[in-house]
Amino acid sequence: MVQRQVPNPAELLDLMKFKKPEFNGKKRRLDSALTIDDLRTIAKRRTPKAAFDYTDGAAEGEVSLTRARQAFQDVEFHPGILRPAPTVDTSVGILGGPSALPFGIAPTGFTRLMQTEGEVAGAGAAAAAGIPFTLSTLGTTSIEGVKQANPHGRNWFQLYVMRDREISYELARRAAAAGFDTLQFTVDTPVAGARLRDKRNGFSIPPQLTLGTIVNAIPRPWWWYDFLTTPKLEFASLSTTGGTVGELLDAAMDPTISYDDLAVIRDIWPGKIVIKGVQNVEDSVRLRDEGVDGIVLSNHGGRQLDRAPIPFHLLPEVRRAVGDDFTVMVDTGIMNGADIVAAVALGADFTLIGRAYLYGLMAGGRAGVDRTIQILRTEIERTMRLLGVASLAELEPAHVTQLTRLVPVSRAASAVEVR
């Protein structure tokens, strides 16, 4: 028989622990976000559809983005036991300088469209966290404005080659003069990808007030208040505005981009140069032999060629081909600190986050970007402790298995023959 008694009032009082109310709405909603997916949910609620879809979407059927995220989910970790890691070191040296974490902020275009603080929020958060910030050629804050927001931290610049080459050359010179230490020369955008969400939304730069956008704005007055009461949304480094994103890119980019352009940019740029948008082993080896400082395995977040290779899947083979002394970075699909740990274990020197940063920005401006970095840092540290490693240098391929859903037909046929 269970013995019962009259509840003791003193014991009940001990059980009643009321949380102090948080009256700051922004802090309350950001504190409630425990994952990047949580930040995405908040961002979707607070941002007009066209702006959110521009960030969230990808090219055509969005197959590349879906596969990239699935690839990180299809990871099996192999932890070591009885290997205490009470503290972990998440710092890394990358391209001649330090980073407190194994990721930096990737270049994103039209950033003030998502939330009015834009690149200033990203650069400021990166400075506070001790990680690099990358400004896009299509950014909405100037090179000098980013330098002012992050005067002592590491600033990188992402460069497109324009039809008017002198525009690109002048941007590189300005970034160098402002003390940016690394150039990300992007090579996967000779023409714009087919971003169908943008076309369906009638998305343009700057946004146009239509009946649809007005209806969509009614539950999001704060976004429109910011948009209408802050400086005009436009490219900080380019004079071209007006039209869909695809039209703007097609008008500006040049499909004749080649290794000759790389040679010119290398002569102009005095710092480190990495090639962003590499998608096969052969190009990785050639670029190493050309003497660049590193590469970014990337399919542009799935926003260019749909069904392009998955960067995370390419990583082990590329690392074996280029050797241990060549810088290899990865982006596309990263939504969790465990994704970053897996990438480092399989040979990445560094990773870049784009959408994860923008979800935080849309959820809460600068404070939201800080929250993004905090979430990823916590996930990285927890994953390392659970694996039994105290530093990034201790991570190795044996810690990770890439589980495969997509097997090339020839390989699948060979497996059948062997059985």
Protein backbone atom coordinates (compact mmCIF):
# COMPACT_ATOMS: atom_id res chain seq x y z
CA MET A 1 0.00 0.00 0.00
CA VAL A 2 1.21 3.53 -0.85
CA GLN A 3 1.40 5.72 2.23
CA ARG A 4 -0.28 9.09 1.68
CA GLN A 5 -0.21 12.30 3.66
CA VAL A 6 -1.63 15.78 3.62
CA PRO A 7 0.66 18.01 1.49
CA ASN A 8 3.02 20.08 3.59
CA PRO A 9 2.62 23.79 2.68
CA ALA A 10 6.33 24.43 3.28
CA GLU A 11 7.26 21.67 0.82
CA LEU A 12 4.85 23.08 -1.74
CA LEU A 13 6.49 26.48 -1.45
CA ASP A 14 9.88 24.88 -2.17
CA LEU A 15 8.46 23.46 -5.41
CA MET A 16 7.10 26.81 -6.57
CA LYS A 17 9.96 28.46 -8.40
CA PHE A 18 8.58 31.22 -10.59
CA LYS A 19 10.77 32.54 -13.37
CA LYS A 20 11.39 36.26 -13.33
CA PRO A 21 9.33 37.78 -16.15
CA GLU A 22 11.22 39.20 -19.14
CA PHE A 23 9.58 42.39 -20.35
CA ASN A 24 11.95 42.98 -23.27
CA GLY A 25 10.13 41.36 -26.19
CA LYS A 26 13.22 40.97 -28.35
CA LYS A 27 15.25 39.33 -25.60
CA ARG A 28 12.33 37.09 -24.70
CA ARG A 29 11.90 35.74 -28.22
CA LEU A 30 15.63 35.32 -28.81
CA ASP A 31 16.12 33.54 -25.49
CA SER A 32 13.36 31.13 -26.54
CA ALA A 33 15.36 30.14 -29.64
CA LEU A 34 17.43 27.08 -28.83
CA THR A 35 18.40 26.15 -32.40
CA ILE A 36 18.95 27.84 -35.74
CA ASP A 37 15.62 26.32 -36.85
CA ASP A 38 13.98 28.20 -33.98
CA LEU A 39 15.52 31.43 -35.24
CA ARG A 40 14.24 30.61 -38.72
CA THR A 41 10.71 30.23 -37.36
CA ILE A 42 10.91 33.62 -35.64
CA ALA A 43 12.41 35.19 -38.77
CA LYS A 44 9.59 33.89 -40.95
CA ARG A 45 7.03 35.35 -38.59
CA ARG A 46 8.67 38.78 -38.50
CA THR A 47 9.78 39.27 -42.13
CA PRO A 48 7.69 39.95 -45.26
CA LYS A 49 7.35 36.92 -47.49
CA ALA A 50 9.43 38.23 -50.41
CA ALA A 51 12.39 39.13 -48.19
CA PHE A 52 12.19 35.90 -46.20
CA ASP A 53 11.88 33.77 -49.32
CA TYR A 54 14.87 35.51 -50.90
CA THR A 55 16.94 34.35 -47.92
CA ASP A 56 15.35 30.97 -47.40
CA GLY A 57 14.99 29.90 -51.02
CA ALA A 58 17.32 28.41 -53.59
CA ALA A 59 17.35 27.69 -57.32
CA GLU A 60 14.64 25.87 -59.28
CA GLY A 61 13.39 22.88 -57.25
CA GLU A 62 15.78 23.67 -54.37
CA VAL A 63 17.18 20.15 -54.64
CA SER A 64 20.79 21.21 -53.99
CA LEU A 65 19.90 22.96 -50.73
CA THR A 66 17.76 20.07 -49.52
CA ARG A 67 20.53 17.56 -50.29
CA ALA A 68 23.19 19.70 -48.61
CA ARG A 69 21.22 19.90 -45.38
CA GLN A 70 20.37 16.21 -45.56
CA ALA A 71 24.05 15.37 -45.96
CA PHE A 72 24.84 16.92 -42.59
CA GLN A 73 21.90 15.14 -40.98
CA ASP A 74 23.18 11.85 -42.45
CA VAL A 75 26.25 11.93 -40.21
CA GLU A 76 27.11 9.28 -37.68
CA PHE A 77 29.53 10.36 -34.95
CA HIS A 78 31.93 7.96 -33.24
CA PRO A 79 32.71 9.26 -29.76
CA GLY A 80 35.64 8.15 -27.65
CA ILE A 81 34.93 7.21 -24.04
CA LEU A 82 36.81 7.92 -20.82
CA ARG A 83 38.53 10.84 -22.51
CA PRO A 84 37.73 13.84 -20.30
CA ALA A 85 37.25 17.17 -22.06
CA PRO A 86 36.06 19.50 -19.29
CA THR A 87 37.15 22.48 -21.37
CA VAL A 88 37.40 22.68 -25.14
CA ASP A 89 39.41 24.97 -27.39
CA THR A 90 37.35 26.09 -30.39
CA SER A 91 39.94 28.48 -31.77
CA VAL A 92 41.62 28.00 -35.13
CA GLY A 93 44.20 29.70 -37.30
CA ILE A 94 42.88 30.47 -40.76
CA LEU A 95 44.51 32.28 -43.68
CA GLY A 96 47.21 33.86 -41.58
CA GLY A 97 45.07 35.00 -38.68
CA PRO A 98 43.05 33.79 -35.69
CA SER A 99 39.39 32.91 -35.31
CA ALA A 100 37.82 32.10 -31.96
CA LEU A 101 35.48 29.62 -33.65
CA PRO A 102 35.80 27.34 -36.70
CA PHE A 103 33.32 29.39 -38.72
CA GLY A 104 32.92 32.88 -40.09
CA ILE A 105 30.07 34.85 -41.61
CA ALA A 106 29.63 34.22 -45.32
CA PRO A 107 28.99 36.95 -47.90
CA THR A 108 25.28 37.69 -48.40
CA GLY A 109 23.74 40.16 -50.81
CA PHE A 110 20.99 42.72 -50.11
CA THR A 111 21.45 42.16 -46.37
CA ARG A 112 19.63 45.28 -45.17
CA LEU A 113 16.58 43.93 -46.99
CA MET A 114 16.26 41.20 -44.35
CA GLN A 115 16.62 43.63 -41.43
CA THR A 116 17.68 47.24 -41.53
CA GLU A 117 20.88 46.82 -39.45
CA GLY A 118 22.22 44.55 -42.20
CA GLU A 119 25.96 44.09 -42.55
CA VAL A 120 26.68 46.42 -39.64
CA ALA A 121 24.97 43.94 -37.32
CA GLY A 122 26.88 41.03 -38.86
CA ALA A 123 30.26 42.75 -38.71
CA GLY A 124 29.69 43.94 -35.15
CA ALA A 125 28.64 40.49 -33.97
CA ALA A 126 31.64 38.92 -35.72
CA ALA A 127 33.94 41.41 -34.02
CA ALA A 128 32.48 40.60 -30.60
CA ALA A 129 32.82 36.86 -31.21
CA GLY A 130 36.33 37.07 -32.68
CA ILE A 131 35.43 35.54 -36.05
CA PRO A 132 35.81 36.82 -39.64
CA PHE A 133 33.04 38.72 -41.42
CA THR A 134 32.71 38.66 -45.22
CA LEU A 135 31.17 41.54 -47.16
CA SER A 136 29.51 40.74 -50.49
CA THR A 137 30.01 42.69 -53.69
CA LEU A 138 26.21 42.97 -53.57
CA GLY A 139 26.21 44.21 -49.99
CA THR A 140 24.09 47.08 -48.75
CA THR A 141 26.79 48.56 -46.52
CA SER A 142 29.95 50.04 -47.97
CA ILE A 143 33.42 48.60 -47.56
CA GLU A 144 34.31 51.55 -45.37
CA GLY A 145 31.09 51.15 -43.35
CA VAL A 146 31.94 47.54 -42.52
CA LYS A 147 35.45 48.55 -41.52
CA GLN A 148 33.95 51.12 -39.16
CA ALA A 149 31.64 48.48 -37.65
CA ASN A 150 34.53 46.01 -37.25
CA PRO A 151 37.63 48.21 -36.97
CA HIS A 152 39.92 45.74 -35.21
CA GLY A 153 38.52 42.39 -36.34
CA ARG A 154 39.04 40.36 -39.49
CA ASN A 155 37.13 41.58 -42.53
CA TRP A 156 37.02 39.60 -45.78
CA PHE A 157 35.63 40.74 -49.13
CA GLN A 158 33.77 38.63 -51.68
CA LEU A 159 34.34 39.67 -55.30
CA TYR A 160 32.38 39.00 -58.48
CA VAL A 161 33.91 39.68 -61.88
CA MET A 162 31.65 42.18 -63.65
CA ARG A 163 31.18 42.79 -67.35
CA ASP A 164 32.81 46.12 -66.63
CA ARG A 165 36.04 44.73 -65.20
CA GLU A 166 37.17 48.06 -63.81
CA ILE A 167 34.28 48.02 -61.32
CA SER A 168 35.59 44.76 -59.87
CA TYR A 169 39.19 45.99 -59.84
CA GLU A 170 38.26 49.19 -58.03
CA LEU A 171 36.28 47.28 -55.38
CA ALA A 172 39.29 45.05 -54.74
CA ARG A 173 41.53 48.10 -54.37
CA ARG A 174 39.08 49.75 -51.95
CA ALA A 175 38.84 46.61 -49.80
CA ALA A 176 42.63 46.32 -49.67
CA ALA A 177 42.96 50.00 -48.73
CA ALA A 178 40.43 49.47 -45.92
CA GLY A 179 42.52 46.66 -44.45
CA PHE A 180 40.44 43.65 -45.49
CA ASP A 181 42.85 40.73 -45.26
CA THR A 182 41.25 38.08 -47.49
CA LEU A 183 39.49 38.11 -50.87
CA GLN A 184 36.89 35.48 -51.73
CA PHE A 185 36.92 35.38 -55.52
CA THR A 186 33.55 33.81 -56.46
CA VAL A 187 33.50 31.74 -59.64
CA ASP A 188 30.12 29.98 -59.70
CA THR A 189 27.97 32.89 -60.92
CA PRO A 190 28.64 33.52 -64.62
CA VAL A 191 24.86 33.96 -64.87
CA ALA A 192 22.11 34.02 -62.28
CA GLY A 193 20.43 30.84 -61.11
CA ALA A 194 16.67 30.47 -61.56
CA ARG A 195 15.40 31.54 -58.14
CA LEU A 196 11.74 30.76 -58.64
CA ARG A 197 10.48 31.97 -55.27
CA ASP A 198 11.71 35.46 -56.15
CA LYS A 199 9.95 35.40 -59.52
CA ARG A 200 6.70 34.19 -58.02
CA ASN A 201 6.85 36.87 -55.33
CA GLY A 202 7.67 39.59 -57.85
CA PHE A 203 10.69 40.34 -55.70
CA SER A 204 12.80 43.29 -56.81
CA ILE A 205 15.50 45.63 -55.55
CA PRO A 206 14.32 47.93 -54.07
CA PRO A 207 11.07 46.27 -52.91
CA GLN A 208 7.96 47.63 -54.59
CA LEU A 209 4.73 48.45 -52.78
CA THR A 210 1.96 46.42 -54.37
CA LEU A 211 -1.39 45.22 -53.10
CA GLY A 212 0.22 41.89 -52.21
CA THR A 213 3.14 43.41 -50.30
CA ILE A 214 0.82 45.78 -48.44
CA VAL A 215 -1.42 42.90 -47.34
CA ASN A 216 1.66 40.90 -46.32
CA ALA A 217 2.98 43.92 -44.37
CA ILE A 218 -0.08 44.36 -42.15
CA PRO A 219 1.08 41.85 -39.49
CA ARG A 220 4.71 43.04 -39.79
CA PRO A 221 4.57 46.82 -39.35
CA TRP A 222 7.97 46.94 -37.64
CA TRP A 223 9.76 45.78 -40.80
CA TRP A 224 8.08 48.39 -42.96
CA TYR A 225 8.67 51.08 -40.34
CA ASP A 226 12.39 50.27 -40.45
CA PHE A 227 12.38 50.11 -44.24
CA LEU A 228 10.62 53.45 -44.73
CA THR A 229 12.45 55.42 -42.01
CA THR A 230 16.06 54.40 -42.72
CA PRO A 231 18.37 55.25 -45.66
CA LYS A 232 17.28 53.96 -49.06
CA LEU A 233 17.97 50.28 -49.66
CA GLU A 234 20.55 50.05 -52.43
CA PHE A 235 23.85 48.46 -53.28
CA ALA A 236 26.63 50.18 -51.40
CA SER A 237 29.30 49.26 -53.96
CA LEU A 238 27.29 49.31 -57.22
CA SER A 239 25.14 51.91 -58.91
CA THR A 240 22.78 49.44 -60.63
CA THR A 241 19.36 49.05 -59.00
CA GLY A 242 15.88 48.22 -60.15
CA GLY A 243 14.65 44.84 -61.35
CA THR A 244 14.59 41.27 -60.12
CA VAL A 245 17.67 39.74 -58.57
CA GLY A 246 18.17 37.55 -61.63
CA GLU A 247 17.97 40.52 -63.98
CA LEU A 248 20.47 42.48 -61.90
CA LEU A 249 22.92 39.57 -61.78
CA ASP A 250 22.62 38.80 -65.48
CA ALA A 251 23.23 42.46 -66.31
CA ALA A 252 26.30 42.66 -64.10
CA MET A 253 28.00 39.26 -64.36
CA ASP A 254 30.11 38.03 -67.24
CA PRO A 255 29.85 34.42 -68.49
CA THR A 256 33.33 34.71 -70.07
CA ILE A 257 35.07 34.70 -66.66
CA SER A 258 38.25 32.59 -66.83
CA TYR A 259 41.65 31.89 -65.29
CA ASP A 260 42.88 35.04 -67.01
CA ASP A 261 40.62 37.04 -64.70
CA LEU A 262 42.05 35.20 -61.71
CA ALA A 263 45.55 36.22 -62.78
CA VAL A 264 44.56 39.89 -62.96
CA ILE A 265 42.84 39.84 -59.58
CA ARG A 266 45.86 38.19 -58.01
CA ASP A 267 48.06 41.00 -59.29
CA ILE A 268 45.71 43.59 -57.77
CA TRP A 269 45.04 41.93 -54.42
CA PRO A 270 47.87 42.10 -51.83
CA GLY A 271 46.39 39.77 -49.22
CA LYS A 272 45.16 36.19 -49.10
CA ILE A 273 42.95 35.01 -51.95
CA VAL A 274 40.57 32.05 -51.88
CA ILE A 275 38.36 30.78 -54.69
CA LYS A 276 34.71 30.35 -53.70
CA GLY A 277 32.39 28.04 -55.60
CA VAL A 278 34.69 25.08 -56.25
CA GLN A 279 32.67 21.91 -56.97
CA ASN A 280 35.03 19.13 -58.05
CA VAL A 281 38.37 17.56 -57.22
CA GLU A 282 40.12 18.46 -60.49
CA ASP A 283 39.51 22.20 -60.06
CA SER A 284 40.64 21.98 -56.44
CA VAL A 285 43.98 20.49 -57.45
CA ARG A 286 44.50 22.96 -60.29
CA LEU A 287 43.80 25.93 -58.03
CA ARG A 288 46.26 24.61 -55.48
CA ASP A 289 48.85 24.31 -58.23
CA GLU A 290 48.03 27.83 -59.41
CA GLY A 291 49.17 29.04 -56.00
CA VAL A 292 45.98 30.48 -54.51
CA ASP A 293 45.77 30.48 -50.73
CA GLY A 294 42.70 28.27 -50.46
CA ILE A 295 39.30 27.27 -51.77
CA VAL A 296 35.71 27.24 -50.56
CA LEU A 297 33.79 24.11 -51.52
CA SER A 298 30.39 25.64 -52.21
CA ASN A 299 27.42 25.41 -54.52
CA HIS A 300 26.35 28.95 -53.56
CA GLY A 301 23.87 27.70 -51.00
CA GLY A 302 22.00 25.88 -53.75
CA ARG A 303 21.17 29.21 -55.38
CA GLN A 304 22.90 28.69 -58.74
CA LEU A 305 22.99 25.27 -60.43
CA ASP A 306 20.34 23.05 -58.91
CA ARG A 307 21.46 19.43 -58.38
CA ALA A 308 25.06 20.62 -58.08
CA PRO A 309 27.48 18.49 -56.03
CA ILE A 310 27.09 18.51 -52.25
CA PRO A 311 30.13 20.35 -50.81
CA PHE A 312 30.19 18.29 -47.60
CA HIS A 313 30.25 15.06 -49.63
CA LEU A 314 33.14 16.38 -51.75
CA LEU A 315 35.23 17.33 -48.73
CA PRO A 316 37.06 14.05 -47.90
CA GLU A 317 38.08 13.37 -51.50
CA VAL A 318 39.22 16.95 -52.05
CA ARG A 319 41.26 16.89 -48.85
CA ARG A 320 43.02 13.69 -49.92
CA ALA A 321 43.75 15.15 -53.36
CA VAL A 322 45.14 18.55 -52.28
CA GLY A 323 47.03 17.39 -49.20
CA ASP A 324 47.05 18.68 -45.63
CA ASP A 325 48.83 21.99 -46.23
CA PHE A 326 46.23 23.63 -48.50
CA THR A 327 43.32 25.59 -47.01
CA VAL A 328 39.93 24.04 -47.70
CA MET A 329 36.74 25.67 -46.43
CA VAL A 330 33.12 24.56 -46.77
CA ASP A 331 29.73 26.24 -46.86
CA THR A 332 26.12 25.35 -47.84
CA GLY A 333 23.62 23.62 -45.58
CA ILE A 334 25.15 24.34 -42.17
CA MET A 335 22.40 24.67 -39.56
CA ASN A 336 23.99 23.22 -36.43
CA GLY A 337 27.30 23.36 -34.62
CA ALA A 338 27.54 19.59 -35.06
CA ASP A 339 27.61 20.17 -38.83
CA ILE A 340 30.70 22.33 -38.34
CA VAL A 341 32.38 19.73 -36.12
CA ALA A 342 31.71 17.04 -38.72
CA ALA A 343 33.20 19.21 -41.48
CA VAL A 344 36.36 19.90 -39.46
CA ALA A 345 36.72 16.20 -38.65
CA LEU A 346 36.60 15.32 -42.36
CA GLY A 347 39.27 17.84 -43.31
CA ALA A 348 37.78 21.33 -43.48
CA ASP A 349 40.02 24.05 -42.09
CA PHE A 350 37.06 26.39 -41.69
CA THR A 351 33.37 26.82 -42.50
CA LEU A 352 31.10 29.70 -43.47
CA ILE A 353 27.50 30.36 -42.41
CA GLY A 354 25.07 32.36 -44.53
CA ARG A 355 21.41 31.59 -43.95
CA ALA A 356 21.98 30.76 -40.27
CA TYR A 357 23.34 34.28 -39.79
CA LEU A 358 20.48 35.85 -41.72
CA TYR A 359 17.82 33.97 -39.75
CA GLY A 360 19.27 35.52 -36.61
CA LEU A 361 19.40 38.94 -38.22
CA MET A 362 15.74 38.75 -39.25
CA ALA A 363 14.76 37.44 -35.82
CA GLY A 364 16.35 40.26 -33.88
CA GLY A 365 18.92 42.44 -35.63
CA ARG A 366 22.37 42.56 -34.04
CA ALA A 367 21.14 40.71 -30.95
CA GLY A 368 19.78 37.97 -33.23
CA VAL A 369 23.17 37.53 -34.93
CA ASP A 370 24.79 37.31 -31.50
CA ARG A 371 22.25 34.61 -30.66
CA THR A 372 23.10 32.68 -33.84
CA ILE A 373 26.77 32.65 -32.91
CA GLN A 374 25.98 31.71 -29.30
CA ILE A 375 23.81 28.77 -30.38
CA LEU A 376 26.44 27.44 -32.78
CA ARG A 377 29.23 27.90 -30.22
CA THR A 378 27.27 25.95 -27.62
CA GLU A 379 26.53 23.15 -30.09
CA ILE A 380 30.17 22.96 -31.17
CA GLU A 381 31.45 22.80 -27.60
CA ARG A 382 28.87 20.22 -26.53
CA THR A 383 29.56 18.01 -29.56
CA MET A 384 33.31 18.14 -28.95
CA ARG A 385 32.88 17.19 -25.29
CA LEU A 386 30.58 14.31 -26.19
CA LEU A 387 33.13 13.10 -28.76
CA GLY A 388 35.88 13.27 -26.14
CA VAL A 389 38.05 15.87 -27.88
CA ALA A 390 39.46 18.96 -26.21
CA SER A 391 40.55 20.85 -29.34
CA LEU A 392 39.68 21.05 -33.02
CA ALA A 393 43.09 19.57 -33.84
CA GLU A 394 42.01 16.31 -32.18
CA LEU A 395 39.12 15.84 -34.59
CA GLU A 396 39.83 13.30 -37.33
CA PRO A 397 37.95 11.36 -40.02
CA ALA A 398 37.50 8.41 -37.67
CA HIS A 399 35.07 10.52 -35.65
CA VAL A 400 32.58 10.73 -38.54
CA THR A 401 30.85 8.48 -41.02
CA GLN A 402 28.97 10.05 -43.92
CA LEU A 403 25.88 7.91 -44.37
CA THR A 404 24.95 7.79 -48.05
CA ARG A 405 21.48 8.11 -49.53
CA LEU A 406 22.65 9.12 -52.99
CA VAL A 407 24.89 6.53 -54.67
CA PRO A 408 26.03 7.02 -58.30
CA VAL A 409 24.55 4.44 -60.67
CA SER A 410 27.95 3.00 -61.65
CA ARG A 411 28.96 2.50 -58.03
CA ALA A 412 25.59 0.95 -57.18
CA ALA A 413 25.92 -1.47 -60.13
CA SER A 414 29.42 -2.46 -59.02
CA ALA A 415 28.12 -3.20 -55.53
CA VAL A 416 25.44 -5.50 -56.97
CA GLU A 417 28.04 -7.39 -59.04
CA VAL A 418 30.26 -7.89 -55.98
CA ARG A 419 27.38 -9.42 -54.04
